[in-house]
Amino acid sequence: MDKQTEIEAAVFRRLLKHLDDHKDVQNIDLMNLADFCRNCLAKWMVTAAEENDVPLDYEQAREKIYGMPYSEWKKLYQRKATPEQIAAFEAKNNGN
């Protein structure tokens, strides 16, 4: 692995740790503010794996991103979206 790839991998691991340390930040908040969420990262991981002929399905990728099966993370940490969060999400996505 070259130095650039090592640096990028370290940054990605730090991003995952940061998200793990801030489980209170909901995916809808990330989508509303940054236009991506943990699930997006998992989808991007699946795409990168496919491009490199590495078998990885979406649920496996989500487990890597969430650090546990998604169903478990959802049960433990996901809160019901507020009407304000939903309105912001819909306003943002209806404008695209």
PDB file of N, CA and C in Angstrom:
ATOM      1  N   MET A   1       0.856  -1.173   0.000  1.00  0.00           N
ATOM      2  CA  MET A   1       0.000   0.000   0.000  1.00  0.00           C
ATOM      3  C   MET A   1       0.902   1.236   0.000  1.00  0.00           C
ATOM      4  N   ASP A   2       0.583   2.171  -0.892  1.00  0.00           N
ATOM      5  CA  ASP A   2       1.402   3.378  -0.936  1.00  0.00           C
ATOM      6  C   ASP A   2       0.981   4.350   0.173  1.00  0.00           C
ATOM      7  N   LYS A   3       1.811   5.342   0.411  1.00  0.00           N
ATOM      8  CA  LYS A   3       1.585   6.284   1.516  1.00  0.00           C
ATOM      9  C   LYS A   3       0.245   7.013   1.382  1.00  0.00           C
ATOM     10  N   GLN A   4      -0.106   7.435   0.178  1.00  0.00           N
ATOM     11  CA  GLN A   4      -1.378   8.146  -0.028  1.00  0.00           C
ATOM     12  C   GLN A   4      -2.548   7.253   0.373  1.00  0.00           C
ATOM     13  N   THR A   5      -2.518   6.000  -0.028  1.00  0.00           N
ATOM     14  CA  THR A   5      -3.589   5.068   0.328  1.00  0.00           C
ATOM     15  C   THR A   5      -3.620   4.822   1.827  1.00  0.00           C
ATOM     16  N   GLU A   6      -2.453   4.717   2.454  1.00  0.00           N
ATOM     17  CA  GLU A   6      -2.391   4.543   3.907  1.00  0.00           C
ATOM     18  C   GLU A   6      -3.011   5.738   4.630  1.00  0.00           C
ATOM     19  N   ILE A   7      -2.713   6.934   4.148  1.00  0.00           N
ATOM     20  CA  ILE A   7      -3.260   8.151   4.753  1.00  0.00           C
ATOM     21  C   ILE A   7      -4.779   8.178   4.582  1.00  0.00           C
ATOM     22  N   GLU A   8      -5.245   7.895   3.365  1.00  0.00           N
ATOM     23  CA  GLU A   8      -6.686   7.897   3.116  1.00  0.00           C
ATOM     24  C   GLU A   8      -7.395   6.842   3.966  1.00  0.00           C
ATOM     25  N   ALA A   9      -6.802   5.674   4.118  1.00  0.00           N
ATOM     26  CA  ALA A   9      -7.388   4.614   4.945  1.00  0.00           C
ATOM     27  C   ALA A   9      -7.444   5.050   6.414  1.00  0.00           C
ATOM     28  N   ALA A  10      -6.395   5.712   6.875  1.00  0.00           N
ATOM     29  CA  ALA A  10      -6.374   6.186   8.261  1.00  0.00           C
ATOM     30  C   ALA A  10      -7.451   7.249   8.483  1.00  0.00           C
ATOM     31  N   VAL A  11      -7.628   8.132   7.526  1.00  0.00           N
ATOM     32  CA  VAL A  11      -8.655   9.167   7.635  1.00  0.00           C
ATOM     33  C   VAL A  11     -10.043   8.518   7.650  1.00  0.00           C
ATOM     34  N   PHE A  12     -10.249   7.523   6.813  1.00  0.00           N
ATOM     35  CA  PHE A  12     -11.540   6.834   6.777  1.00  0.00           C
ATOM     36  C   PHE A  12     -11.812   6.134   8.111  1.00  0.00           C
ATOM     37  N   ARG A  13     -10.801   5.463   8.655  1.00  0.00           N
ATOM     38  CA  ARG A  13     -10.976   4.819   9.970  1.00  0.00           C
ATOM     39  C   ARG A  13     -11.302   5.860  11.040  1.00  0.00           C
ATOM     40  N   ARG A  14     -10.666   7.011  10.966  1.00  0.00           N
ATOM     41  CA  ARG A  14     -10.945   8.072  11.939  1.00  0.00           C
ATOM     42  C   ARG A  14     -12.365   8.604  11.767  1.00  0.00           C
ATOM     43  N   LEU A  15     -12.832   8.743  10.523  1.00  0.00           N
ATOM     44  CA  LEU A  15     -14.207   9.164  10.273  1.00  0.00           C
ATOM     45  C   LEU A  15     -15.185   8.155  10.881  1.00  0.00           C
ATOM     46  N   LEU A  16     -14.943   6.863  10.668  1.00  0.00           N
ATOM     47  CA  LEU A  16     -15.823   5.842  11.239  1.00  0.00           C
ATOM     48  C   LEU A  16     -15.818   5.898  12.760  1.00  0.00           C
ATOM     49  N   LYS A  17     -14.654   6.107  13.360  1.00  0.00           N
ATOM     50  CA  LYS A  17     -14.582   6.214  14.819  1.00  0.00           C
ATOM     51  C   LYS A  17     -15.333   7.446  15.297  1.00  0.00           C
ATOM     52  N   HIS A  18     -15.174   8.533  14.577  1.00  0.00           N
ATOM     53  CA  HIS A  18     -15.870   9.770  14.938  1.00  0.00           C
ATOM     54  C   HIS A  18     -17.389   9.554  14.892  1.00  0.00           C
ATOM     55  N   LEU A  19     -17.871   8.921  13.842  1.00  0.00           N
ATOM     56  CA  LEU A  19     -19.303   8.628  13.755  1.00  0.00           C
ATOM     57  C   LEU A  19     -19.728   7.676  14.869  1.00  0.00           C
ATOM     58  N   ASP A  20     -18.885   6.706  15.178  1.00  0.00           N
ATOM     59  CA  ASP A  20     -19.207   5.761  16.246  1.00  0.00           C
ATOM     60  C   ASP A  20     -19.249   6.464  17.600  1.00  0.00           C
ATOM     61  N   ASP A  21     -18.358   7.417  17.798  1.00  0.00           N
ATOM     62  CA  ASP A  21     -18.330   8.170  19.053  1.00  0.00           C
ATOM     63  C   ASP A  21     -19.504   9.142  19.172  1.00  0.00           C
ATOM     64  N   HIS A  22     -20.170   9.407  18.066  1.00  0.00           N
ATOM     65  CA  HIS A  22     -21.282  10.362  18.037  1.00  0.00           C
ATOM     66  C   HIS A  22     -22.544   9.689  17.496  1.00  0.00           C
ATOM     67  N   LYS A  23     -22.906   8.593  18.133  1.00  0.00           N
ATOM     68  CA  LYS A  23     -24.094   7.854  17.710  1.00  0.00           C
ATOM     69  C   LYS A  23     -25.360   8.701  17.837  1.00  0.00           C
ATOM     70  N   ASP A  24     -25.305   9.755  18.656  1.00  0.00           N
ATOM     71  CA  ASP A  24     -26.455  10.636  18.806  1.00  0.00           C
ATOM     72  C   ASP A  24     -26.751  11.417  17.527  1.00  0.00           C
ATOM     73  N   VAL A  25     -25.773  11.530  16.644  1.00  0.00           N
ATOM     74  CA  VAL A  25     -25.999  12.185  15.363  1.00  0.00           C
ATOM     75  C   VAL A  25     -26.702  11.177  14.461  1.00  0.00           C
ATOM     76  N   GLN A  26     -27.922  11.488  14.145  1.00  0.00           N
ATOM     77  CA  GLN A  26     -28.746  10.585  13.364  1.00  0.00           C
ATOM     78  C   GLN A  26     -28.427  10.711  11.872  1.00  0.00           C
ATOM     79  N   ASN A  27     -28.719   9.653  11.127  1.00  0.00           N
ATOM     80  CA  ASN A  27     -28.465   9.679   9.686  1.00  0.00           C
ATOM     81  C   ASN A  27     -29.232  10.803   8.999  1.00  0.00           C
ATOM     82  N   ILE A  28     -30.456  11.066   9.433  1.00  0.00           N
ATOM     83  CA  ILE A  28     -31.221  12.143   8.796  1.00  0.00           C
ATOM     84  C   ILE A  28     -30.541  13.489   9.019  1.00  0.00           C
ATOM     85  N   ASP A  29     -29.899  13.666  10.185  1.00  0.00           N
ATOM     86  CA  ASP A  29     -29.145  14.901  10.434  1.00  0.00           C
ATOM     87  C   ASP A  29     -27.982  15.020   9.452  1.00  0.00           C
ATOM     88  N   LEU A  30     -27.271  13.910   9.272  1.00  0.00           N
ATOM     89  CA  LEU A  30     -26.156  13.911   8.319  1.00  0.00           C
ATOM     90  C   LEU A  30     -26.654  14.213   6.910  1.00  0.00           C
ATOM     91  N   MET A  31     -27.765  13.587   6.520  1.00  0.00           N
ATOM     92  CA  MET A  31     -28.312  13.828   5.182  1.00  0.00           C
ATOM     93  C   MET A  31     -28.721  15.290   5.015  1.00  0.00           C
ATOM     94  N   ASN A  32     -29.352  15.847   6.034  1.00  0.00           N
ATOM     95  CA  ASN A  32     -29.806  17.230   5.942  1.00  0.00           C
ATOM     96  C   ASN A  32     -28.639  18.213   5.881  1.00  0.00           C
ATOM     97  N   LEU A  33     -27.569  17.916   6.598  1.00  0.00           N
ATOM     98  CA  LEU A  33     -26.438  18.846   6.646  1.00  0.00           C
ATOM     99  C   LEU A  33     -25.378  18.599   5.580  1.00  0.00           C
ATOM    100  N   ALA A  34     -25.104  17.321   5.307  1.00  0.00           N
ATOM    101  CA  ALA A  34     -23.959  17.010   4.458  1.00  0.00           C
ATOM    102  C   ALA A  34     -24.309  16.220   3.199  1.00  0.00           C
ATOM    103  N   ASP A  35     -25.571  15.842   3.066  1.00  0.00           N
ATOM    104  CA  ASP A  35     -26.037  15.108   1.884  1.00  0.00           C
ATOM    105  C   ASP A  35     -25.425  13.713   1.772  1.00  0.00           C
ATOM    106  N   PHE A  36     -25.022  13.142   2.908  1.00  0.00           N
ATOM    107  CA  PHE A  36     -24.600  11.745   2.960  1.00  0.00           C
ATOM    108  C   PHE A  36     -24.809  11.262   4.381  1.00  0.00           C
ATOM    109  N   CYS A  37     -24.835   9.939   4.552  1.00  0.00           N
ATOM    110  CA  CYS A  37     -25.000   9.361   5.889  1.00  0.00           C
ATOM    111  C   CYS A  37     -24.212   8.055   5.971  1.00  0.00           C
ATOM    112  N   ARG A  38     -24.363   7.368   7.066  1.00  0.00           N
ATOM    113  CA  ARG A  38     -23.662   6.100   7.257  1.00  0.00           C
ATOM    114  C   ARG A  38     -24.049   5.092   6.178  1.00  0.00           C
ATOM    115  N   ASN A  39     -25.326   5.076   5.797  1.00  0.00           N
ATOM    116  CA  ASN A  39     -25.760   4.148   4.746  1.00  0.00           C
ATOM    117  C   ASN A  39     -25.119   4.490   3.409  1.00  0.00           C
ATOM    118  N   CYS A  40     -24.952   5.771   3.138  1.00  0.00           N
ATOM    119  CA  CYS A  40     -24.263   6.186   1.909  1.00  0.00           C
ATOM    120  C   CYS A  40     -22.835   5.648   1.898  1.00  0.00           C
ATOM    121  N   LEU A  41     -22.154   5.761   3.047  1.00  0.00           N
ATOM    122  CA  LEU A  41     -20.790   5.230   3.136  1.00  0.00           C
ATOM    123  C   LEU A  41     -20.773   3.740   2.821  1.00  0.00           C
ATOM    124  N   ALA A  42     -21.756   3.009   3.326  1.00  0.00           N
ATOM    125  CA  ALA A  42     -21.831   1.566   3.053  1.00  0.00           C
ATOM    126  C   ALA A  42     -22.043   1.314   1.559  1.00  0.00           C
ATOM    127  N   LYS A  43     -22.905   2.093   0.939  1.00  0.00           N
ATOM    128  CA  LYS A  43     -23.138   1.937  -0.510  1.00  0.00           C
ATOM    129  C   LYS A  43     -21.865   2.244  -1.292  1.00  0.00           C
ATOM    130  N   TRP A  44     -21.153   3.290  -0.881  1.00  0.00           N
ATOM    131  CA  TRP A  44     -19.896   3.634  -1.562  1.00  0.00           C
ATOM    132  C   TRP A  44     -18.872   2.519  -1.381  1.00  0.00           C
ATOM    133  N   MET A  45     -18.885   1.894  -0.207  1.00  0.00           N
ATOM    134  CA  MET A  45     -17.960   0.789   0.054  1.00  0.00           C
ATOM    135  C   MET A  45     -18.280  -0.398  -0.857  1.00  0.00           C
ATOM    136  N   VAL A  46     -19.558  -0.710  -1.028  1.00  0.00           N
ATOM    137  CA  VAL A  46     -19.959  -1.798  -1.921  1.00  0.00           C
ATOM    138  C   VAL A  46     -19.505  -1.498  -3.347  1.00  0.00           C
ATOM    139  N   THR A  47     -19.710  -0.272  -3.797  1.00  0.00           N
ATOM    140  CA  THR A  47     -19.295   0.120  -5.145  1.00  0.00           C
ATOM    141  C   THR A  47     -17.787  -0.029  -5.320  1.00  0.00           C
ATOM    142  N   ALA A  48     -17.019   0.446  -4.337  1.00  0.00           N
ATOM    143  CA  ALA A  48     -15.556   0.330  -4.423  1.00  0.00           C
ATOM    144  C   ALA A  48     -15.130  -1.133  -4.416  1.00  0.00           C
ATOM    145  N   ALA A  49     -15.795  -1.943  -3.623  1.00  0.00           N
ATOM    146  CA  ALA A  49     -15.471  -3.375  -3.598  1.00  0.00           C
ATOM    147  C   ALA A  49     -15.754  -3.998  -4.959  1.00  0.00           C
ATOM    148  N   GLU A  50     -16.901  -3.686  -5.539  1.00  0.00           N
ATOM    149  CA  GLU A  50     -17.240  -4.219  -6.864  1.00  0.00           C
ATOM    150  C   GLU A  50     -16.208  -3.803  -7.904  1.00  0.00           C
ATOM    151  N   GLU A  51     -15.791  -2.548  -7.848  1.00  0.00           N
ATOM    152  CA  GLU A  51     -14.794  -2.044  -8.808  1.00  0.00           C
ATOM    153  C   GLU A  51     -13.454  -2.758  -8.666  1.00  0.00           C
ATOM    154  N   ASN A  52     -13.219  -3.350  -7.507  1.00  0.00           N
ATOM    155  CA  ASN A  52     -11.968  -4.065  -7.257  1.00  0.00           C
ATOM    156  C   ASN A  52     -12.158  -5.574  -7.184  1.00  0.00           C
ATOM    157  N   ASP A  53     -13.305  -6.041  -7.689  1.00  0.00           N
ATOM    158  CA  ASP A  53     -13.619  -7.478  -7.728  1.00  0.00           C
ATOM    159  C   ASP A  53     -13.514  -8.133  -6.357  1.00  0.00           C
ATOM    160  N   VAL A  54     -13.989  -7.423  -5.333  1.00  0.00           N
ATOM    161  CA  VAL A  54     -14.009  -7.941  -3.968  1.00  0.00           C
ATOM    162  C   VAL A  54     -15.468  -8.174  -3.590  1.00  0.00           C
ATOM    163  N   PRO A  55     -15.812  -9.400  -3.212  1.00  0.00           N
ATOM    164  CA  PRO A  55     -17.201  -9.646  -2.846  1.00  0.00           C
ATOM    165  C   PRO A  55     -17.550  -8.952  -1.522  1.00  0.00           C
ATOM    166  N   LEU A  56     -18.589  -8.130  -1.544  1.00  0.00           N
ATOM    167  CA  LEU A  56     -19.059  -7.434  -0.349  1.00  0.00           C
ATOM    168  C   LEU A  56     -20.495  -7.006  -0.618  1.00  0.00           C
ATOM    169  N   ASP A  57     -21.428  -7.505   0.185  1.00  0.00           N
ATOM    170  CA  ASP A  57     -22.802  -7.065  -0.014  1.00  0.00           C
ATOM    171  C   ASP A  57     -23.119  -5.895   0.913  1.00  0.00           C
ATOM    172  N   TYR A  58     -24.263  -5.305   0.691  1.00  0.00           N
ATOM    173  CA  TYR A  58     -24.653  -4.087   1.405  1.00  0.00           C
ATOM    174  C   TYR A  58     -24.722  -4.299   2.913  1.00  0.00           C
ATOM    175  N   GLU A  59     -25.282  -5.409   3.362  1.00  0.00           N
ATOM    176  CA  GLU A  59     -25.380  -5.659   4.807  1.00  0.00           C
ATOM    177  C   GLU A  59     -23.997  -5.844   5.432  1.00  0.00           C
ATOM    178  N   GLN A  60     -23.085  -6.492   4.723  1.00  0.00           N
ATOM    179  CA  GLN A  60     -21.715  -6.631   5.222  1.00  0.00           C
ATOM    180  C   GLN A  60     -21.050  -5.260   5.323  1.00  0.00           C
ATOM    181  N   ALA A  61     -21.274  -4.438   4.320  1.00  0.00           N
ATOM    182  CA  ALA A  61     -20.687  -3.095   4.328  1.00  0.00           C
ATOM    183  C   ALA A  61     -21.272  -2.263   5.468  1.00  0.00           C
ATOM    184  N   ARG A  62     -22.580  -2.364   5.684  1.00  0.00           N
ATOM    185  CA  ARG A  62     -23.179  -1.604   6.783  1.00  0.00           C
ATOM    186  C   ARG A  62     -22.614  -2.046   8.126  1.00  0.00           C
ATOM    187  N   GLU A  63     -22.348  -3.347   8.266  1.00  0.00           N
ATOM    188  CA  GLU A  63     -21.761  -3.814   9.522  1.00  0.00           C
ATOM    189  C   GLU A  63     -20.371  -3.218   9.726  1.00  0.00           C
ATOM    190  N   LYS A  64     -19.624  -3.054   8.643  1.00  0.00           N
ATOM    191  CA  LYS A  64     -18.304  -2.421   8.752  1.00  0.00           C
ATOM    192  C   LYS A  64     -18.443  -0.942   9.136  1.00  0.00           C
ATOM    193  N   ILE A  65     -19.415  -0.264   8.574  1.00  0.00           N
ATOM    194  CA  ILE A  65     -19.607   1.164   8.847  1.00  0.00           C
ATOM    195  C   ILE A  65     -20.150   1.385  10.250  1.00  0.00           C
ATOM    196  N   TYR A  66     -21.146   0.601  10.639  1.00  0.00           N
ATOM    197  CA  TYR A  66     -21.799   0.786  11.937  1.00  0.00           C
ATOM    198  C   TYR A  66     -21.060   0.095  13.079  1.00  0.00           C
ATOM    199  N   GLY A  67     -20.167  -0.829  12.762  1.00  0.00           N
ATOM    200  CA  GLY A  67     -19.440  -1.546  13.800  1.00  0.00           C
ATOM    201  C   GLY A  67     -20.258  -2.651  14.454  1.00  0.00           C
ATOM    202  N   MET A  68     -21.401  -2.955  13.866  1.00  0.00           N
ATOM    203  CA  MET A  68     -22.306  -3.999  14.362  1.00  0.00           C
ATOM    204  C   MET A  68     -23.372  -4.187  13.282  1.00  0.00           C
ATOM    205  N   PRO A  69     -24.137  -5.246  13.356  1.00  0.00           N
ATOM    206  CA  PRO A  69     -25.229  -5.374  12.382  1.00  0.00           C
ATOM    207  C   PRO A  69     -26.142  -4.142  12.443  1.00  0.00           C
ATOM    208  N   TYR A  70     -26.574  -3.690  11.275  1.00  0.00           N
ATOM    209  CA  TYR A  70     -27.395  -2.491  11.210  1.00  0.00           C
ATOM    210  C   TYR A  70     -28.659  -2.629  12.051  1.00  0.00           C
ATOM    211  N   SER A  71     -29.281  -3.794  12.034  1.00  0.00           N
ATOM    212  CA  SER A  71     -30.517  -3.986  12.806  1.00  0.00           C
ATOM    213  C   SER A  71     -30.278  -3.732  14.293  1.00  0.00           C
ATOM    214  N   GLU A  72     -29.111  -4.134  14.786  1.00  0.00           N
ATOM    215  CA  GLU A  72     -28.761  -3.907  16.192  1.00  0.00           C
ATOM    216  C   GLU A  72     -28.529  -2.417  16.461  1.00  0.00           C
ATOM    217  N   TRP A  73     -27.752  -1.758  15.578  1.00  0.00           N
ATOM    218  CA  TRP A  73     -27.486  -0.330  15.729  1.00  0.00           C
ATOM    219  C   TRP A  73     -28.797   0.444  15.724  1.00  0.00           C
ATOM    220  N   LYS A  74     -29.662   0.092  14.783  1.00  0.00           N
ATOM    221  CA  LYS A  74     -30.940   0.782  14.652  1.00  0.00           C
ATOM    222  C   LYS A  74     -31.763   0.651  15.939  1.00  0.00           C
ATOM    223  N   LYS A  75     -31.798  -0.550  16.492  1.00  0.00           N
ATOM    224  CA  LYS A  75     -32.554  -0.802  17.717  1.00  0.00           C
ATOM    225  C   LYS A  75     -31.975  -0.017  18.899  1.00  0.00           C
ATOM    226  N   LEU A  76     -30.652   0.075  18.967  1.00  0.00           N
ATOM    227  CA  LEU A  76     -29.997   0.721  20.096  1.00  0.00           C
ATOM    228  C   LEU A  76     -29.907   2.241  19.986  1.00  0.00           C
ATOM    229  N   TYR A  77     -29.734   2.760  18.769  1.00  0.00           N
ATOM    230  CA  TYR A  77     -29.356   4.169  18.641  1.00  0.00           C
ATOM    231  C   TYR A  77     -30.252   5.027  17.748  1.00  0.00           C
ATOM    232  N   GLN A  78     -30.990   4.430  16.849  1.00  0.00           N
ATOM    233  CA  GLN A  78     -31.773   5.260  15.928  1.00  0.00           C
ATOM    234  C   GLN A  78     -33.052   5.732  16.601  1.00  0.00           C
ATOM    235  N   ARG A  79     -33.257   7.035  16.532  1.00  0.00           N
ATOM    236  CA  ARG A  79     -34.479   7.624  17.064  1.00  0.00           C
ATOM    237  C   ARG A  79     -35.431   7.922  15.913  1.00  0.00           C
ATOM    238  N   LYS A  80     -36.687   8.019  16.241  1.00  0.00           N
ATOM    239  CA  LYS A  80     -37.682   8.402  15.249  1.00  0.00           C
ATOM    240  C   LYS A  80     -37.391   9.842  14.816  1.00  0.00           C
ATOM    241  N   ALA A  81     -37.420  10.072  13.520  1.00  0.00           N
ATOM    242  CA  ALA A  81     -37.158  11.412  13.001  1.00  0.00           C
ATOM    243  C   ALA A  81     -38.266  12.362  13.445  1.00  0.00           C
ATOM    244  N   THR A  82     -37.855  13.567  13.785  1.00  0.00           N
ATOM    245  CA  THR A  82     -38.824  14.582  14.194  1.00  0.00           C
ATOM    246  C   THR A  82     -39.509  15.155  12.950  1.00  0.00           C
ATOM    247  N   PRO A  83     -40.663  15.768  13.133  1.00  0.00           N
ATOM    248  CA  PRO A  83     -41.306  16.427  11.988  1.00  0.00           C
ATOM    249  C   PRO A  83     -40.390  17.477  11.338  1.00  0.00           C
ATOM    250  N   GLU A  84     -39.603  18.169  12.149  1.00  0.00           N
ATOM    251  CA  GLU A  84     -38.683  19.175  11.609  1.00  0.00           C
ATOM    252  C   GLU A  84     -37.587  18.529  10.752  1.00  0.00           C
ATOM    253  N   GLN A  85     -37.041  17.404  11.216  1.00  0.00           N
ATOM    254  CA  GLN A  85     -36.020  16.698  10.438  1.00  0.00           C
ATOM    255  C   GLN A  85     -36.598  16.212   9.114  1.00  0.00           C
ATOM    256  N   ILE A  86     -37.789  15.658   9.163  1.00  0.00           N
ATOM    257  CA  ILE A  86     -38.432  15.151   7.948  1.00  0.00           C
ATOM    258  C   ILE A  86     -38.723  16.296   6.984  1.00  0.00           C
ATOM    259  N   ALA A  87     -39.229  17.409   7.496  1.00  0.00           N
ATOM    260  CA  ALA A  87     -39.517  18.570   6.643  1.00  0.00           C
ATOM    261  C   ALA A  87     -38.250  19.093   5.984  1.00  0.00           C
ATOM    262  N   ALA A  88     -37.161  19.173   6.742  1.00  0.00           N
ATOM    263  CA  ALA A  88     -35.891  19.642   6.171  1.00  0.00           C
ATOM    264  C   ALA A  88     -35.399  18.681   5.096  1.00  0.00           C
ATOM    265  N   PHE A  89     -35.520  17.375   5.352  1.00  0.00           N
ATOM    266  CA  PHE A  89     -35.095  16.368   4.385  1.00  0.00           C
ATOM    267  C   PHE A  89     -35.920  16.479   3.106  1.00  0.00           C
ATOM    268  N   GLU A  90     -37.233  16.592   3.262  1.00  0.00           N
ATOM    269  CA  GLU A  90     -38.111  16.683   2.087  1.00  0.00           C
ATOM    270  C   GLU A  90     -37.863  17.973   1.314  1.00  0.00           C
ATOM    271  N   ALA A  91     -37.680  19.088   2.023  1.00  0.00           N
ATOM    272  CA  ALA A  91     -37.410  20.357   1.342  1.00  0.00           C
ATOM    273  C   ALA A  91     -36.121  20.285   0.545  1.00  0.00           C
ATOM    274  N   LYS A  92     -35.107  19.684   1.142  1.00  0.00           N
ATOM    275  CA  LYS A  92     -33.810  19.566   0.466  1.00  0.00           C
ATOM    276  C   LYS A  92     -33.911  18.662  -0.755  1.00  0.00           C
ATOM    277  N   ASN A  93     -34.618  17.555  -0.624  1.00  0.00           N
ATOM    278  CA  ASN A  93     -34.701  16.584  -1.712  1.00  0.00           C
ATOM    279  C   ASN A  93     -35.718  16.958  -2.780  1.00  0.00           C
ATOM    280  N   ASN A  94     -36.703  17.776  -2.453  1.00  0.00           N
ATOM    281  CA  ASN A  94     -37.648  18.242  -3.460  1.00  0.00           C
ATOM    282  C   ASN A  94     -37.035  19.336  -4.311  1.00  0.00           C
ATOM    283  N   GLY A  95     -35.995  19.981  -3.775  1.00  0.00           N
ATOM    284  CA  GLY A  95     -35.300  21.022  -4.507  1.00  0.00           C
ATOM    285  C   GLY A  95     -34.278  20.469  -5.489  1.00  0.00           C
ATOM    286  N   ASN A  96     -33.984  19.160  -5.399  1.00  0.00           N
ATOM    287  CA  ASN A  96     -32.975  18.544  -6.281  1.00  0.00           C
ATOM    288  C   ASN A  96     -33.608  17.900  -7.468  1.00  0.00           C
TER     289      ASN A  96
END
